[in-house]
N, C-alpha and C. Protein backbone atom coordinates (compact mmCIF):
# COMPACT_ATOMS: atom_id res chain seq x y z
N MET A 1 4.77 31.34 -10.84
CA MET A 1 4.78 33.03 -10.84
C MET A 1 6.27 33.24 -10.70
N ALA A 2 6.49 34.36 -11.59
CA ALA A 2 7.96 34.81 -11.73
C ALA A 2 8.19 35.88 -10.63
N HIS A 3 9.30 35.90 -9.99
CA HIS A 3 9.69 36.90 -9.15
C HIS A 3 10.64 37.83 -9.76
N LYS A 4 10.42 39.07 -9.20
CA LYS A 4 11.36 40.33 -9.94
C LYS A 4 12.43 40.47 -8.83
N GLY A 5 13.62 40.67 -9.12
CA GLY A 5 14.50 41.18 -8.16
C GLY A 5 14.95 42.56 -8.88
N SER A 6 14.51 43.65 -8.10
CA SER A 6 14.95 44.91 -8.77
C SER A 6 15.60 45.61 -7.58
N PHE A 7 16.64 46.60 -8.04
CA PHE A 7 17.36 47.42 -7.12
C PHE A 7 17.15 48.86 -7.71
N LEU A 8 16.65 49.73 -6.66
CA LEU A 8 16.03 51.05 -6.96
C LEU A 8 16.97 52.14 -6.04
N ASP A 9 17.33 53.12 -6.79
CA ASP A 9 18.05 54.10 -6.11
C ASP A 9 17.08 54.97 -5.37
N ASP A 10 17.36 54.93 -3.84
CA ASP A 10 16.27 55.43 -3.13
C ASP A 10 16.14 56.89 -3.41
N TYR A 11 17.19 57.72 -3.68
CA TYR A 11 17.04 59.20 -3.82
C TYR A 11 16.34 59.30 -5.16
N SER A 12 16.71 58.76 -6.21
CA SER A 12 16.11 59.31 -7.49
C SER A 12 14.94 58.25 -8.05
N ARG A 13 14.80 57.11 -7.29
CA ARG A 13 13.64 56.15 -7.73
C ARG A 13 14.10 55.66 -9.18
N TYR A 14 15.43 55.64 -9.44
CA TYR A 14 15.85 55.07 -10.72
C TYR A 14 16.08 53.41 -10.54
N ILE A 15 15.49 52.74 -11.24
CA ILE A 15 15.75 51.08 -11.44
C ILE A 15 17.25 51.11 -12.10
N VAL A 16 18.16 50.66 -10.99
CA VAL A 16 19.38 50.49 -11.52
C VAL A 16 19.59 49.15 -12.08
N SER A 17 18.90 48.15 -11.49
CA SER A 17 19.04 46.81 -12.18
C SER A 17 17.91 46.01 -11.74
N TRP A 18 17.77 44.93 -12.55
CA TRP A 18 16.48 44.13 -12.28
C TRP A 18 16.74 42.74 -13.00
N LYS A 19 16.13 41.68 -12.55
CA LYS A 19 16.33 40.34 -12.98
C LYS A 19 15.02 39.62 -12.75
N LEU A 20 14.65 38.71 -13.67
CA LEU A 20 13.41 37.99 -13.64
C LEU A 20 13.98 36.40 -13.20
N CYS A 21 13.35 35.95 -12.03
CA CYS A 21 13.66 34.76 -11.35
C CYS A 21 12.54 34.07 -11.19
N THR A 22 12.86 32.76 -11.41
CA THR A 22 11.54 31.74 -11.14
C THR A 22 11.46 31.57 -9.36
N ASN A 23 12.37 31.61 -8.84
CA ASN A 23 12.47 31.95 -7.30
C ASN A 23 13.47 32.63 -6.89
N MET A 24 13.40 33.48 -5.73
CA MET A 24 14.38 34.52 -5.36
C MET A 24 15.30 33.68 -4.44
N ARG A 25 16.52 33.20 -4.99
CA ARG A 25 17.58 32.70 -4.07
C ARG A 25 18.85 33.74 -3.84
N THR A 26 19.52 33.46 -3.01
CA THR A 26 20.64 34.39 -2.62
C THR A 26 21.47 34.62 -4.01
N GLU A 27 21.85 33.83 -4.69
CA GLU A 27 22.69 33.99 -5.89
C GLU A 27 21.96 34.93 -6.87
N ASP A 28 20.60 34.87 -6.94
CA ASP A 28 19.78 35.85 -7.74
C ASP A 28 19.89 37.24 -7.36
N VAL A 29 19.98 37.55 -5.96
CA VAL A 29 20.05 38.61 -5.24
C VAL A 29 21.56 39.20 -5.56
N THR A 30 22.38 38.26 -5.43
CA THR A 30 23.94 38.75 -5.77
C THR A 30 24.08 39.21 -7.17
N ASP A 31 23.54 38.32 -7.99
CA ASP A 31 23.52 38.54 -9.37
C ASP A 31 23.08 39.88 -9.96
N THR A 32 21.78 40.25 -9.11
CA THR A 32 21.13 41.51 -9.67
C THR A 32 21.96 42.61 -8.77
N LEU A 33 22.48 42.49 -7.84
CA LEU A 33 23.38 43.42 -7.11
C LEU A 33 24.57 43.75 -7.93
N ASP A 34 25.34 42.64 -8.50
CA ASP A 34 26.54 42.71 -9.31
C ASP A 34 26.26 43.65 -10.55
N LEU A 35 24.84 43.25 -11.15
CA LEU A 35 24.48 44.19 -12.20
C LEU A 35 24.23 45.73 -11.89
N ALA A 36 23.85 45.93 -10.55
CA ALA A 36 23.40 47.39 -10.01
C ALA A 36 24.71 48.03 -9.87
N LEU A 37 25.73 47.27 -9.35
CA LEU A 37 27.21 47.95 -9.21
C LEU A 37 27.83 48.14 -10.37
N GLN A 38 27.68 47.34 -11.42
CA GLN A 38 28.51 47.60 -12.77
C GLN A 38 27.65 48.80 -13.27
N ALA A 39 26.16 48.76 -13.37
CA ALA A 39 25.40 49.96 -13.98
C ALA A 39 25.74 51.12 -13.30
N SER A 40 25.86 51.32 -12.21
CA SER A 40 26.30 52.51 -11.35
C SER A 40 27.64 52.97 -11.39
N GLY A 41 28.54 51.96 -11.91
CA GLY A 41 29.97 52.17 -11.76
C GLY A 41 30.58 52.12 -10.53
N CYS A 42 29.84 51.75 -9.41
CA CYS A 42 30.32 51.54 -8.05
C CYS A 42 31.49 50.41 -8.02
N ASP A 43 31.50 49.61 -8.88
CA ASP A 43 32.55 48.46 -8.94
C ASP A 43 33.76 48.85 -9.48
N GLN A 44 34.02 50.16 -10.28
CA GLN A 44 35.04 50.47 -10.97
C GLN A 44 35.71 51.70 -10.35
N VAL A 45 35.07 52.49 -9.58
CA VAL A 45 35.66 53.66 -9.00
C VAL A 45 35.83 53.62 -7.62
N HIS A 46 36.48 54.49 -6.83
CA HIS A 46 36.62 54.43 -5.41
C HIS A 46 35.36 55.17 -4.88
N VAL A 47 34.48 54.71 -4.07
CA VAL A 47 33.30 55.07 -3.56
C VAL A 47 33.63 55.58 -2.33
N VAL A 48 33.31 56.77 -1.63
CA VAL A 48 33.50 57.16 -0.40
C VAL A 48 32.42 56.50 0.38
N HIS A 49 31.23 56.50 0.11
CA HIS A 49 30.09 55.99 0.84
C HIS A 49 29.53 54.65 -0.09
N LYS A 50 29.89 53.42 0.10
CA LYS A 50 29.17 52.32 -0.37
C LYS A 50 27.79 52.43 -0.56
N PRO A 51 27.18 51.97 -1.57
CA PRO A 51 25.53 51.73 -1.51
C PRO A 51 25.33 50.87 -0.27
N ARG A 52 24.03 51.10 0.46
CA ARG A 52 23.59 50.22 1.30
C ARG A 52 22.39 49.66 0.71
N LEU A 53 22.14 48.23 1.15
CA LEU A 53 21.03 47.62 0.81
C LEU A 53 20.02 47.71 1.71
N LEU A 54 18.72 47.90 1.42
CA LEU A 54 17.51 48.06 2.29
C LEU A 54 16.55 46.98 1.54
N SER A 55 16.42 46.03 2.54
CA SER A 55 15.48 44.75 1.90
C SER A 55 14.61 44.48 2.88
N ASP A 56 13.65 43.56 2.67
CA ASP A 56 12.65 42.90 3.59
C ASP A 56 13.57 41.84 4.18
N ASN A 57 12.58 40.98 4.80
CA ASN A 57 13.35 39.79 5.48
C ASN A 57 13.11 38.46 4.70
N GLY A 58 13.12 38.39 3.39
CA GLY A 58 12.95 37.31 2.88
C GLY A 58 13.99 36.28 3.05
N SER A 59 13.72 35.26 2.74
CA SER A 59 14.94 33.96 3.17
C SER A 59 16.26 34.54 2.51
N SER A 60 16.08 34.93 1.25
CA SER A 60 17.28 35.36 0.15
C SER A 60 18.19 36.43 0.65
N TYR A 61 17.21 37.22 1.61
CA TYR A 61 18.04 38.42 2.20
C TYR A 61 18.70 38.21 3.57
N VAL A 62 18.20 37.13 4.15
CA VAL A 62 18.61 37.00 5.59
C VAL A 62 19.86 35.52 5.60
N SER A 63 20.20 35.51 4.41
CA SER A 63 21.14 34.36 4.31
C SER A 63 22.53 34.65 4.81
N GLY A 64 23.31 33.63 5.26
CA GLY A 64 24.79 34.01 5.67
C GLY A 64 25.54 34.35 4.28
N ASP A 65 25.25 33.65 3.09
CA ASP A 65 25.92 33.88 1.83
C ASP A 65 25.76 35.34 1.30
N LEU A 66 24.45 35.80 1.62
CA LEU A 66 24.45 37.16 1.21
C LEU A 66 25.18 38.15 2.07
N ALA A 67 25.09 37.85 3.40
CA ALA A 67 25.99 38.68 4.37
C ALA A 67 27.57 38.63 4.01
N GLU A 68 27.85 37.52 3.90
CA GLU A 68 29.38 37.23 3.40
C GLU A 68 29.78 38.17 2.07
N TRP A 69 28.61 37.98 1.07
CA TRP A 69 28.99 38.77 -0.26
C TRP A 69 29.02 40.30 0.23
N LEU A 70 28.05 40.91 0.85
CA LEU A 70 28.03 42.27 1.18
C LEU A 70 29.25 42.67 1.94
N LYS A 71 29.72 41.91 2.85
CA LYS A 71 31.03 42.15 3.62
C LYS A 71 32.12 42.35 2.61
N ASP A 72 32.26 41.56 1.48
CA ASP A 72 33.23 41.27 0.76
C ASP A 72 33.30 42.75 -0.35
N LYS A 73 32.10 43.29 -0.31
CA LYS A 73 31.88 44.19 -1.19
C LYS A 73 32.03 45.56 -0.41
N GLY A 74 31.98 45.33 1.10
CA GLY A 74 32.30 46.61 1.82
C GLY A 74 30.87 47.43 1.93
N MET A 75 29.83 46.58 1.70
CA MET A 75 28.27 47.13 1.67
C MET A 75 27.76 46.79 2.90
N LYS A 76 26.82 47.76 3.52
CA LYS A 76 25.94 47.64 4.64
C LYS A 76 24.49 47.17 4.26
N HIS A 77 23.72 46.51 5.24
CA HIS A 77 22.68 45.82 4.88
C HIS A 77 21.67 46.39 5.97
N SER A 78 20.48 46.91 5.65
CA SER A 78 19.55 47.39 6.64
C SER A 78 18.11 46.38 6.09
N ARG A 79 17.54 45.88 7.07
CA ARG A 79 16.27 45.17 6.78
C ARG A 79 15.07 46.02 7.40
N GLY A 80 14.12 45.90 6.77
CA GLY A 80 12.72 46.39 7.27
C GLY A 80 12.11 45.63 8.47
N ALA A 81 11.43 46.33 9.53
CA ALA A 81 10.77 45.36 10.40
C ALA A 81 9.86 44.56 9.93
N PRO A 82 9.73 43.16 10.29
CA PRO A 82 8.92 42.17 10.06
C PRO A 82 7.39 42.80 9.96
N TYR A 83 6.56 42.40 8.74
CA TYR A 83 5.29 42.73 8.64
C TYR A 83 5.13 44.28 8.69
N HIS A 84 6.27 45.18 8.16
CA HIS A 84 6.24 46.38 8.02
C HIS A 84 6.63 46.89 6.69
N PRO A 85 5.76 46.46 5.57
CA PRO A 85 6.32 46.80 4.17
C PRO A 85 6.60 48.28 3.90
N GLN A 86 6.10 49.11 4.74
CA GLN A 86 6.33 50.75 4.29
C GLN A 86 7.66 50.94 4.24
N THR A 87 8.44 50.33 5.06
CA THR A 87 10.00 50.49 5.10
C THR A 87 10.49 50.71 3.60
N GLN A 88 9.94 49.68 2.99
CA GLN A 88 10.41 49.61 1.61
C GLN A 88 9.59 50.16 0.71
N GLY A 89 8.84 51.24 1.07
CA GLY A 89 7.62 51.83 0.46
C GLY A 89 8.19 52.04 -1.06
N LYS A 90 9.10 52.53 -1.44
CA LYS A 90 9.50 52.95 -2.79
C LYS A 90 9.27 51.74 -3.72
N ILE A 91 10.35 50.70 -3.28
CA ILE A 91 10.31 49.43 -4.17
C ILE A 91 8.95 48.64 -4.21
N GLU A 92 8.41 48.92 -3.17
CA GLU A 92 7.07 48.03 -3.13
C GLU A 92 6.01 48.78 -4.20
N ARG A 93 6.30 49.99 -4.23
CA ARG A 93 5.29 50.81 -5.22
C ARG A 93 5.74 50.42 -6.34
N TRP A 94 6.95 50.62 -6.77
CA TRP A 94 7.48 50.12 -8.04
C TRP A 94 6.90 48.95 -8.38
N HIS A 95 6.92 47.73 -7.52
CA HIS A 95 6.60 46.30 -7.98
C HIS A 95 5.09 46.40 -8.18
N GLN A 96 4.34 47.17 -7.31
CA GLN A 96 2.72 47.34 -7.47
C GLN A 96 2.61 48.04 -8.99
N THR A 97 3.19 49.10 -9.27
CA THR A 97 3.36 49.54 -10.46
C THR A 97 3.41 48.87 -11.75
N LEU A 98 4.67 48.22 -11.61
CA LEU A 98 5.03 47.17 -12.51
C LEU A 98 3.99 45.99 -12.82
N LYS A 99 3.33 45.29 -11.73
CA LYS A 99 2.25 44.38 -11.78
C LYS A 99 1.08 44.82 -12.51
N ASN A 100 0.64 46.13 -12.05
CA ASN A 100 -0.44 46.66 -12.82
C ASN A 100 -0.27 47.00 -14.22
N ARG A 101 1.00 47.22 -14.61
CA ARG A 101 1.30 47.72 -16.01
C ARG A 101 1.40 46.58 -16.77
N ILE A 102 2.14 45.46 -16.32
CA ILE A 102 2.78 44.42 -17.19
C ILE A 102 1.56 43.19 -16.99
N LEU A 103 0.67 43.30 -15.89
CA LEU A 103 -0.04 42.11 -15.57
C LEU A 103 0.67 40.87 -15.37
N LEU A 104 1.53 40.65 -14.54
CA LEU A 104 2.38 39.61 -14.23
C LEU A 104 1.57 38.17 -14.29
N GLU A 105 0.38 38.04 -13.95
CA GLU A 105 -0.41 36.85 -13.95
C GLU A 105 -0.69 36.43 -15.44
N ASN A 106 -0.54 37.20 -16.46
CA ASN A 106 -0.64 36.79 -17.65
C ASN A 106 0.34 35.92 -18.38
N ASP A 107 -0.17 34.95 -19.02
CA ASP A 107 1.05 33.90 -19.63
C ASP A 107 1.63 34.57 -20.65
N PHE A 108 3.06 34.60 -20.84
CA PHE A 108 3.77 35.31 -21.74
C PHE A 108 4.64 34.14 -22.64
N LEU A 109 4.96 34.41 -23.76
CA LEU A 109 5.85 33.31 -24.37
C LEU A 109 7.18 33.49 -23.81
N PRO A 110 8.13 32.48 -23.67
CA PRO A 110 9.54 32.62 -23.16
C PRO A 110 10.05 33.97 -23.65
N GLY A 111 10.62 34.96 -22.83
CA GLY A 111 11.28 36.11 -23.31
C GLY A 111 10.53 37.31 -23.58
N ASP A 112 8.96 37.17 -23.93
CA ASP A 112 8.15 38.10 -24.02
C ASP A 112 8.06 38.97 -22.82
N LEU A 113 7.87 38.08 -21.52
CA LEU A 113 7.77 39.02 -20.13
C LEU A 113 8.92 39.82 -20.10
N GLU A 114 10.08 39.28 -20.31
CA GLU A 114 11.29 40.08 -20.01
C GLU A 114 11.38 41.30 -20.83
N ALA A 115 11.08 41.13 -22.10
CA ALA A 115 10.99 42.22 -23.11
C ALA A 115 9.96 43.39 -22.53
N GLN A 116 8.75 42.80 -22.28
CA GLN A 116 7.77 43.71 -21.64
C GLN A 116 8.43 44.48 -20.49
N ILE A 117 9.02 43.75 -19.43
CA ILE A 117 9.60 44.40 -18.32
C ILE A 117 10.93 45.26 -18.62
N GLU A 118 11.53 45.19 -19.55
CA GLU A 118 12.52 45.83 -19.97
C GLU A 118 12.03 47.21 -20.58
N ALA A 119 11.13 47.03 -21.31
CA ALA A 119 10.53 48.33 -22.17
C ALA A 119 9.85 49.03 -21.01
N PHE A 120 9.21 48.43 -19.86
CA PHE A 120 8.64 49.29 -18.99
C PHE A 120 9.37 50.00 -18.06
N VAL A 121 10.69 49.47 -17.71
CA VAL A 121 11.66 50.07 -16.82
C VAL A 121 12.42 51.09 -17.47
N ASP A 122 12.61 50.98 -18.99
CA ASP A 122 12.91 52.16 -19.82
C ASP A 122 12.10 53.32 -19.85
N HIS A 123 10.65 53.01 -19.92
CA HIS A 123 9.73 53.98 -19.82
C HIS A 123 9.73 54.68 -18.46
N TYR A 124 9.72 53.94 -17.52
CA TYR A 124 9.69 54.35 -16.01
C TYR A 124 10.80 55.35 -15.67
N ASN A 125 12.12 54.83 -16.12
CA ASN A 125 13.14 55.59 -15.82
C ASN A 125 13.36 56.89 -16.54
N HIS A 126 12.98 56.85 -17.86
CA HIS A 126 13.29 57.80 -18.77
C HIS A 126 12.23 58.76 -19.33
N GLN A 127 10.94 58.25 -19.21
CA GLN A 127 9.96 59.01 -19.79
C GLN A 127 8.78 59.31 -18.63
N ARG A 128 8.63 58.75 -17.51
CA ARG A 128 7.54 58.67 -16.58
C ARG A 128 8.04 59.81 -15.50
N TYR A 129 7.24 60.88 -15.44
CA TYR A 129 7.53 62.01 -14.51
C TYR A 129 6.90 61.59 -13.14
N HIS A 130 7.50 61.78 -12.24
CA HIS A 130 7.23 61.48 -10.82
C HIS A 130 6.89 62.64 -9.88
N GLU A 131 5.63 62.93 -9.43
CA GLU A 131 5.21 64.04 -8.80
C GLU A 131 6.15 64.11 -7.38
N SER A 132 6.41 63.19 -6.83
CA SER A 132 7.36 63.27 -5.43
C SER A 132 8.66 63.73 -5.83
N ILE A 133 9.31 63.71 -7.16
CA ILE A 133 10.72 64.29 -7.37
C ILE A 133 10.67 65.53 -8.39
N ASN A 134 9.42 66.30 -8.01
CA ASN A 134 9.18 67.61 -8.90
C ASN A 134 9.21 67.39 -10.28
N ASN A 135 8.11 66.40 -10.74
CA ASN A 135 7.81 66.10 -11.91
C ASN A 135 9.05 66.03 -12.95
N VAL A 136 9.82 65.31 -12.62
CA VAL A 136 11.01 65.14 -13.56
C VAL A 136 11.03 63.30 -13.61
N THR A 137 11.85 62.84 -14.49
CA THR A 137 12.30 61.39 -14.31
C THR A 137 13.04 60.99 -13.32
N PRO A 138 13.06 59.56 -13.13
CA PRO A 138 13.94 59.14 -12.06
C PRO A 138 15.66 59.35 -12.79
N ALA A 139 15.57 59.16 -14.20
CA ALA A 139 17.07 59.31 -14.84
C ALA A 139 17.45 60.92 -14.66
N ASP A 140 16.68 61.71 -14.71
CA ASP A 140 16.83 63.18 -14.61
C ASP A 140 17.55 63.37 -13.28
N VAL A 141 17.02 62.81 -12.15
CA VAL A 141 17.63 62.83 -10.85
C VAL A 141 18.78 62.04 -10.82
N TYR A 142 18.59 60.76 -11.23
CA TYR A 142 19.84 59.83 -10.96
C TYR A 142 21.21 60.41 -11.77
N PHE A 143 20.82 61.00 -12.85
CA PHE A 143 22.11 61.47 -13.62
C PHE A 143 22.45 63.06 -13.37
N GLY A 144 21.63 63.72 -12.49
CA GLY A 144 21.99 65.06 -12.06
C GLY A 144 21.33 66.16 -13.11
N ARG A 145 20.44 65.80 -13.94
CA ARG A 145 19.94 66.67 -14.85
C ARG A 145 18.59 67.69 -14.25
N ASP A 146 18.29 67.19 -13.13
CA ASP A 146 17.01 67.71 -12.47
C ASP A 146 17.18 69.14 -12.36
N LYS A 147 18.15 69.67 -11.85
CA LYS A 147 18.44 71.14 -11.43
C LYS A 147 18.15 71.95 -12.65
N ALA A 148 18.99 71.58 -13.52
CA ALA A 148 19.04 72.52 -14.86
C ALA A 148 17.59 72.46 -15.51
N ILE A 149 17.02 71.03 -15.33
CA ILE A 149 15.48 71.02 -16.10
C ILE A 149 14.63 71.87 -15.16
N LEU A 150 14.57 71.95 -13.93
CA LEU A 150 13.59 72.81 -12.93
C LEU A 150 13.96 74.34 -13.43
N GLN A 151 15.16 74.65 -13.51
CA GLN A 151 15.65 76.07 -13.88
C GLN A 151 15.23 76.58 -15.00
N GLN A 152 15.34 75.72 -16.09
CA GLN A 152 14.63 76.01 -17.17
C GLN A 152 13.34 76.28 -17.35
N ARG A 153 12.46 75.41 -16.62
CA ARG A 153 10.91 75.35 -16.39
C ARG A 153 10.52 76.77 -15.80
N GLU A 154 11.46 77.10 -14.85
CA GLU A 154 11.10 78.30 -13.84
C GLU A 154 11.42 79.58 -15.02
N ARG A 155 12.49 79.63 -15.78
CA ARG A 155 12.53 80.59 -16.69
C ARG A 155 11.46 80.82 -17.73
N ILE A 156 10.77 79.46 -18.33
CA ILE A 156 9.80 79.59 -19.17
C ILE A 156 8.72 80.11 -18.35
N LYS A 157 8.48 79.53 -17.07
CA LYS A 157 7.19 80.15 -16.47
C LYS A 157 7.26 81.60 -16.17
N ARG A 158 8.28 82.12 -15.86
CA ARG A 158 8.52 83.53 -15.76
C ARG A 158 8.24 84.45 -17.14
N LYS A 159 9.01 83.98 -18.15
CA LYS A 159 8.72 84.70 -19.31
C LYS A 159 7.22 84.52 -19.84
N THR A 160 6.54 83.24 -19.55
CA THR A 160 5.05 83.12 -20.07
C THR A 160 4.09 84.43 -19.22
N LEU A 161 4.59 84.26 -17.92
CA LEU A 161 3.88 85.12 -17.20
C LEU A 161 4.20 86.74 -17.58
N GLU A 162 5.29 86.96 -17.96
CA GLU A 162 5.61 88.47 -18.33
C GLU A 162 4.75 88.88 -19.67
N THR A 163 4.76 87.68 -20.65
CA THR A 163 4.22 87.86 -21.78
C THR A 163 2.55 88.29 -21.70
N ARG A 164 2.01 87.54 -20.61
CA ARG A 164 0.59 87.24 -20.38
C ARG A 164 0.32 88.87 -19.74
N ARG A 165 1.06 89.13 -18.82
CA ARG A 165 0.84 90.61 -18.30
C ARG A 165 0.84 91.66 -19.34
N LEU A 166 1.97 91.68 -20.21
CA LEU A 166 2.19 92.67 -21.32
C LEU A 166 0.95 92.43 -22.33
N HIS A 167 0.45 91.27 -22.48
CA HIS A 167 -0.44 91.15 -23.46
C HIS A 167 -1.95 91.69 -23.02
N HIS A 168 -2.12 91.55 -21.65
CA HIS A 168 -3.39 91.80 -20.93
C HIS A 168 -3.31 93.37 -20.79
N ARG A 169 -2.10 94.01 -20.51
CA ARG A 169 -2.10 95.41 -20.40
C ARG A 169 -2.44 96.16 -21.63
N GLN A 170 -1.86 95.52 -22.88
CA GLN A 170 -2.09 95.92 -24.36
C GLN A 170 -3.75 95.94 -24.59
N HIS A 171 -4.32 95.04 -24.26
CA HIS A 171 -5.58 94.78 -24.40
C HIS A 171 -6.67 95.40 -23.48
N ALA A 172 -6.16 95.94 -22.28
CA ALA A 172 -6.74 96.72 -21.38
C ALA A 172 -7.02 98.05 -21.39
N ALA A 173 -5.85 98.61 -22.37
CA ALA A 173 -5.74 99.97 -22.69
C ALA A 173 -6.81 100.44 -23.63
């Protein structure tokens, strides 16, 4: 069974990075974190508040090597209470959605599974609207486009209502 290492931005639900691994070792975690730091630009600019890692208590997350790596990067680490997956609810939900969509139990040719996951991550980040973030995409929130989109929707809604009222008045007269 393949393991997924995914890093999700807690605020926007944007999947910042992911890696498919045969087993989840500390170096798989740090490789995926490196990808996340590169993708977010946090490795190139001075960041006032470094990202904080929230994880479960899997062996790769409680290792001394990971603690050392995080310390070097100036990052803090919080772990959920044992047997309390709700703490990581958003990432757990993402993994469930991914499993349901891609059916990770199926056998794929080498590379096929990664291509399927990559396509779904792109869909999830850029096309899939989330009710919990005002029916915009994670990318809209992550890249700060959500407020403009919501304002535009509000303008369209107001204009539609005005047009309906006018149309109704004309037909009622």
